Amino acid sequence: MAEAASEQKHEWCDGVVYAMSRGTPEHGRLTMRIARAIGNVLGKECETYSPDTMLYIEAAKLATYADASVVCGALELKSVKKNGRSLGEAVTNPVVVVEVLSESTERYDRDGKFQAYKQISSLREYVLVAQDERRVEVHRLGSGGAWSCEVGGPGGHVTIHGSPIAVDDVYG
């Protein structure tokens, strides 16, 4: 069955398929609020994509789903296949990737997934949204190739793709 028609989401890493759990209502709420906040400040050349959009990282041989992603300019796609069967079309050129942290995924999102995302040549920002506190982290690639981290808490803001996002707007 193609990934697009499957009721279960899967992550594909170097030929191995892993089932992904569905999020909680709070996870879904935060995902939509951060995606809306980012989408509201983007220019016309950029588009925000939902958690249903597969990302493919060639260097990591990873097909996965972020909670949100942003692509600026032309969309670059790759047809992802496993054992000759189509998993669907995946985006290969996000500039921003967003993950809403959960207890079961936080370690992977911070470590393994971040290391894989860093291999996307177009990626400039990796955003982590906490569920257990009002905290948004923006990991940003600097001009020298080093990653830095901006953290925003209650009453504060973070800058995503050059625009300020109020942390309280994400949490409502």
Foldseek 3Di string as FASTA:
>chain_A
DAQLPDPWHWKAFPQDIDTDDDDDPLQLLLLVLVQVLVQVPDDPQKDKDAQSAWAAQVVRRIIHGFRMFMDGHDWDWDFDDHPNHTNGIHTQATQETEHEDDPVCNVCLVPVVVVSVLSRPNHAWYWYAYSVFLKIKIWGQDPVRDTDIDMDHQPGWDADPRRTGHSVSSVD
